[in-house]
Amino acid sequence: MIQPLFALVFGEVFVILLLLFRTPLRNPLLLLLDRSKQGRGPVVASTAGVTLFVVMASLLINITSIGGRSEEGGGISPTDQVILAYQLLQASLLGFALFLGLMIDRIHYYIKEVRMLRKHLEAVKKMDKKPQDAKGKGKASDDEEDE
């Protein structure tokens, strides 16, 4: 189970890097994320996230039970040490994968917000330019009439 978790974490890091820097793959990735957030996508994503969280909680319970056994017997056996290390690695990778998934969601949201604000700002600038252009043309024609 370790190899798929490492692949998931590295894949999520790669997606975050693509979102943070302007690359040719950024726009198709944004379109893919937009489409995944429509229809049944959010339900599937939240179900997968909750499943990963439950698995992580189960691993943490197992880790605490192994720690409890070590306190009773006065020491921890080498087998329990290996199992404990393996489950700690799994739990930490799952937690990190969930965190990176939230980061991808927030970065996507902020990129969309920035795009909308830029479009709105450009529209406001165009609206402000039109009345100034009309006033400037009107003043120029008035000045010509005065001469």
C-alpha atoms as a PDB file:
ATOM      1  CA  MET A   1       0.000   0.000   0.000  1.00  0.00           C
ATOM      2  CA  ILE A   2       3.009   2.277   0.377  1.00  0.00           C
ATOM      3  CA  GLN A   3       3.815   2.538  -3.355  1.00  0.00           C
ATOM      4  CA  PRO A   4       0.323   3.767  -4.381  1.00  0.00           C
ATOM      5  CA  LEU A   5       0.396   6.312  -1.551  1.00  0.00           C
ATOM      6  CA  PHE A   6       3.774   7.630  -2.676  1.00  0.00           C
ATOM      7  CA  ALA A   7       2.456   7.815  -6.254  1.00  0.00           C
ATOM      8  CA  LEU A   8      -0.618   9.711  -5.027  1.00  0.00           C
ATOM      9  CA  VAL A   9       1.454  12.196  -3.032  1.00  0.00           C
ATOM     10  CA  PHE A  10       3.911  12.809  -5.882  1.00  0.00           C
ATOM     11  CA  GLY A  11       1.026  13.169  -8.346  1.00  0.00           C
ATOM     12  CA  GLU A  12      -0.656  15.745  -6.121  1.00  0.00           C
ATOM     13  CA  VAL A  13       2.616  17.669  -5.732  1.00  0.00           C
ATOM     14  CA  PHE A  14       2.984  17.660  -9.527  1.00  0.00           C
ATOM     15  CA  VAL A  15      -0.568  19.030  -9.939  1.00  0.00           C
ATOM     16  CA  ILE A  16       0.124  21.770  -7.379  1.00  0.00           C
ATOM     17  CA  LEU A  17       3.306  22.767  -9.212  1.00  0.00           C
ATOM     18  CA  LEU A  18       1.395  22.898 -12.511  1.00  0.00           C
ATOM     19  CA  LEU A  19      -1.230  25.131 -10.914  1.00  0.00           C
ATOM     20  CA  LEU A  20       1.258  27.482  -9.285  1.00  0.00           C
ATOM     21  CA  PHE A  21       3.349  28.219 -12.378  1.00  0.00           C
ATOM     22  CA  ARG A  22       2.146  29.320 -15.787  1.00  0.00           C
ATOM     23  CA  THR A  23       2.824  26.353 -18.004  1.00  0.00           C
ATOM     24  CA  PRO A  24       1.093  25.113 -21.162  1.00  0.00           C
ATOM     25  CA  LEU A  25      -0.500  22.345 -19.077  1.00  0.00           C
ATOM     26  CA  ARG A  26      -2.116  24.772 -16.626  1.00  0.00           C
ATOM     27  CA  ASN A  27      -5.195  25.645 -18.703  1.00  0.00           C
ATOM     28  CA  PRO A  28      -6.114  22.035 -19.580  1.00  0.00           C
ATOM     29  CA  LEU A  29      -5.627  21.117 -15.920  1.00  0.00           C
ATOM     30  CA  LEU A  30      -7.917  23.966 -14.835  1.00  0.00           C
ATOM     31  CA  LEU A  31     -10.540  22.801 -17.331  1.00  0.00           C
ATOM     32  CA  LEU A  32     -10.232  19.253 -15.997  1.00  0.00           C
ATOM     33  CA  LEU A  33     -10.666  20.482 -12.423  1.00  0.00           C
ATOM     34  CA  ASP A  34     -13.663  22.612 -13.455  1.00  0.00           C
ATOM     35  CA  ARG A  35     -15.320  19.592 -15.058  1.00  0.00           C
ATOM     36  CA  SER A  36     -14.552  17.372 -12.096  1.00  0.00           C
ATOM     37  CA  LYS A  37     -16.389  19.811  -9.825  1.00  0.00           C
ATOM     38  CA  GLN A  38     -19.593  19.514 -11.860  1.00  0.00           C
ATOM     39  CA  GLY A  39     -22.225  16.804 -11.704  1.00  0.00           C
ATOM     40  CA  ARG A  40     -21.292  13.820  -9.563  1.00  0.00           C
ATOM     41  CA  GLY A  41     -17.650  14.823  -9.215  1.00  0.00           C
ATOM     42  CA  PRO A  42     -17.921  16.450  -5.766  1.00  0.00           C
ATOM     43  CA  VAL A  43     -19.802  13.437  -4.389  1.00  0.00           C
ATOM     44  CA  VAL A  44     -17.150  11.027  -5.665  1.00  0.00           C
ATOM     45  CA  ALA A  45     -14.309  13.217  -4.386  1.00  0.00           C
ATOM     46  CA  SER A  46     -15.838  13.619  -0.933  1.00  0.00           C
ATOM     47  CA  THR A  47     -16.548   9.867  -0.735  1.00  0.00           C
ATOM     48  CA  ALA A  48     -12.937   9.073  -1.627  1.00  0.00           C
ATOM     49  CA  GLY A  49     -11.688  11.665   0.878  1.00  0.00           C
ATOM     50  CA  VAL A  50     -13.851  10.283   3.684  1.00  0.00           C
ATOM     51  CA  THR A  51     -12.706   6.748   2.869  1.00  0.00           C
ATOM     52  CA  LEU A  52      -9.054   7.802   3.074  1.00  0.00           C
ATOM     53  CA  PHE A  53      -9.765   9.600   6.341  1.00  0.00           C
ATOM     54  CA  VAL A  54     -11.430   6.496   7.841  1.00  0.00           C
ATOM     55  CA  VAL A  55      -8.466   4.339   6.799  1.00  0.00           C
ATOM     56  CA  MET A  56      -6.108   6.880   8.367  1.00  0.00           C
ATOM     57  CA  ALA A  57      -8.168   6.905  11.586  1.00  0.00           C
ATOM     58  CA  SER A  58      -8.049   3.106  11.676  1.00  0.00           C
ATOM     59  CA  LEU A  59      -4.275   3.182  11.289  1.00  0.00           C
ATOM     60  CA  LEU A  60      -3.981   5.714  14.098  1.00  0.00           C
ATOM     61  CA  ILE A  61      -6.097   3.506  16.374  1.00  0.00           C
ATOM     62  CA  ASN A  62      -3.840   0.548  15.565  1.00  0.00           C
ATOM     63  CA  ILE A  63      -0.778   2.676  16.327  1.00  0.00           C
ATOM     64  CA  THR A  64      -2.160   3.673  19.722  1.00  0.00           C
ATOM     65  CA  SER A  65      -3.048   0.051  20.528  1.00  0.00           C
ATOM     66  CA  ILE A  66       0.518  -1.049  19.725  1.00  0.00           C
ATOM     67  CA  GLY A  67       1.791   1.770  21.926  1.00  0.00           C
ATOM     68  CA  GLY A  68      -0.533   0.586  24.716  1.00  0.00           C
ATOM     69  CA  ARG A  69       0.817  -2.949  24.459  1.00  0.00           C
ATOM     70  CA  SER A  70       4.368  -1.668  24.804  1.00  0.00           C
ATOM     71  CA  GLU A  71       3.491   0.089  28.072  1.00  0.00           C
ATOM     72  CA  GLU A  72       1.982  -3.068  29.561  1.00  0.00           C
ATOM     73  CA  GLY A  73       4.833  -5.444  28.756  1.00  0.00           C
ATOM     74  CA  GLY A  74       7.645  -3.081  29.585  1.00  0.00           C
ATOM     75  CA  GLY A  75       9.000  -3.015  26.037  1.00  0.00           C
ATOM     76  CA  ILE A  76       8.056  -3.327  22.440  1.00  0.00           C
ATOM     77  CA  SER A  77       8.973  -6.388  20.413  1.00  0.00           C
ATOM     78  CA  PRO A  78      10.933  -6.043  17.155  1.00  0.00           C
ATOM     79  CA  THR A  79       7.903  -7.269  15.197  1.00  0.00           C
ATOM     80  CA  ASP A  80       5.714  -4.605  16.768  1.00  0.00           C
ATOM     81  CA  GLN A  81       8.364  -1.998  15.999  1.00  0.00           C
ATOM     82  CA  VAL A  82       8.280  -2.907  12.297  1.00  0.00           C
ATOM     83  CA  ILE A  83       4.480  -2.912  12.233  1.00  0.00           C
ATOM     84  CA  LEU A  84       4.397   0.409  14.087  1.00  0.00           C
ATOM     85  CA  ALA A  85       6.837   2.039  11.667  1.00  0.00           C
ATOM     86  CA  TYR A  86       4.921   0.718   8.647  1.00  0.00           C
ATOM     87  CA  GLN A  87       1.587   1.965   9.970  1.00  0.00           C
ATOM     88  CA  LEU A  88       3.072   5.334  10.923  1.00  0.00           C
ATOM     89  CA  LEU A  89       4.349   5.718   7.369  1.00  0.00           C
ATOM     90  CA  GLN A  90       0.954   4.785   5.940  1.00  0.00           C
ATOM     91  CA  ALA A  91      -0.906   7.171   8.247  1.00  0.00           C
ATOM     92  CA  SER A  92       1.455  10.055   7.535  1.00  0.00           C
ATOM     93  CA  LEU A  93       1.227   9.504   3.763  1.00  0.00           C
ATOM     94  CA  LEU A  94      -2.573   9.371   3.922  1.00  0.00           C
ATOM     95  CA  GLY A  95      -2.714  12.556   5.992  1.00  0.00           C
ATOM     96  CA  PHE A  96      -0.335  14.322   3.642  1.00  0.00           C
ATOM     97  CA  ALA A  97      -2.348  13.162   0.609  1.00  0.00           C
ATOM     98  CA  LEU A  98      -5.560  14.528   2.154  1.00  0.00           C
ATOM     99  CA  PHE A  99      -3.844  17.821   2.929  1.00  0.00           C
ATOM    100  CA  LEU A 100      -2.502  18.140  -0.631  1.00  0.00           C
ATOM    101  CA  GLY A 101      -5.970  17.386  -1.992  1.00  0.00           C
ATOM    102  CA  LEU A 102      -7.340  20.306   0.013  1.00  0.00           C
ATOM    103  CA  MET A 103      -4.484  22.477  -1.256  1.00  0.00           C
ATOM    104  CA  ILE A 104      -5.336  21.614  -4.875  1.00  0.00           C
ATOM    105  CA  ASP A 105      -8.968  22.525  -4.248  1.00  0.00           C
ATOM    106  CA  ARG A 106      -8.104  25.887  -2.680  1.00  0.00           C
ATOM    107  CA  ILE A 107      -5.517  26.804  -5.328  1.00  0.00           C
ATOM    108  CA  HIS A 108      -8.053  26.037  -8.052  1.00  0.00           C
ATOM    109  CA  TYR A 109     -10.651  28.194  -6.276  1.00  0.00           C
ATOM    110  CA  TYR A 110      -8.257  31.140  -5.903  1.00  0.00           C
ATOM    111  CA  ILE A 111      -7.138  30.944  -9.538  1.00  0.00           C
ATOM    112  CA  LYS A 112     -10.778  31.101 -10.620  1.00  0.00           C
ATOM    113  CA  GLU A 113     -11.408  34.056  -8.297  1.00  0.00           C
ATOM    114  CA  VAL A 114      -8.385  35.958  -9.622  1.00  0.00           C
ATOM    115  CA  ARG A 115      -9.538  35.381 -13.209  1.00  0.00           C
ATOM    116  CA  MET A 116     -13.023  36.652 -12.416  1.00  0.00           C
ATOM    117  CA  LEU A 117     -11.637  39.724 -10.635  1.00  0.00           C
ATOM    118  CA  ARG A 118      -9.338  40.511 -13.580  1.00  0.00           C
ATOM    119  CA  LYS A 119     -12.242  40.268 -16.033  1.00  0.00           C
ATOM    120  CA  HIS A 120     -14.355  42.501 -13.796  1.00  0.00           C
ATOM    121  CA  LEU A 121     -11.514  45.009 -13.470  1.00  0.00           C
ATOM    122  CA  GLU A 122     -11.019  45.111 -17.244  1.00  0.00           C
ATOM    123  CA  ALA A 123     -14.747  45.656 -17.745  1.00  0.00           C
ATOM    124  CA  VAL A 124     -14.732  48.516 -15.223  1.00  0.00           C
ATOM    125  CA  LYS A 125     -11.712  50.099 -16.929  1.00  0.00           C
ATOM    126  CA  LYS A 126     -13.474  49.925 -20.302  1.00  0.00           C
ATOM    127  CA  MET A 127     -16.595  51.482 -18.805  1.00  0.00           C
ATOM    128  CA  ASP A 128     -14.523  54.313 -17.296  1.00  0.00           C
ATOM    129  CA  LYS A 129     -12.664  54.897 -20.558  1.00  0.00           C
ATOM    130  CA  LYS A 130     -15.821  55.359 -22.659  1.00  0.00           C
ATOM    131  CA  PRO A 131     -17.185  58.397 -20.764  1.00  0.00           C
ATOM    132  CA  GLN A 132     -13.710  59.982 -20.668  1.00  0.00           C
ATOM    133  CA  ASP A 133     -13.295  59.462 -24.422  1.00  0.00           C
ATOM    134  CA  ALA A 134     -16.695  61.036 -25.037  1.00  0.00           C
ATOM    135  CA  LYS A 135     -15.826  64.015 -22.808  1.00  0.00           C
ATOM    136  CA  GLY A 136     -12.426  64.364 -24.471  1.00  0.00           C
ATOM    137  CA  LYS A 137     -13.977  64.369 -27.959  1.00  0.00           C
ATOM    138  CA  GLY A 138     -16.640  66.830 -26.871  1.00  0.00           C
ATOM    139  CA  LYS A 139     -14.035  69.236 -25.443  1.00  0.00           C
ATOM    140  CA  ALA A 140     -11.909  68.966 -28.552  1.00  0.00           C
ATOM    141  CA  SER A 141     -14.839  69.877 -30.798  1.00  0.00           C
ATOM    142  CA  ASP A 142     -15.783  72.780 -28.457  1.00  0.00           C
ATOM    143  CA  ASP A 143     -12.198  74.106 -28.584  1.00  0.00           C
ATOM    144  CA  GLU A 144     -12.232  74.010 -32.379  1.00  0.00           C
ATOM    145  CA  GLU A 145     -15.480  75.999 -32.456  1.00  0.00           C
ATOM    146  CA  ASP A 146     -14.035  78.667 -30.126  1.00  0.00           C
ATOM    147  CA  GLU A 147     -11.129  79.355 -32.487  1.00  0.00           C
END
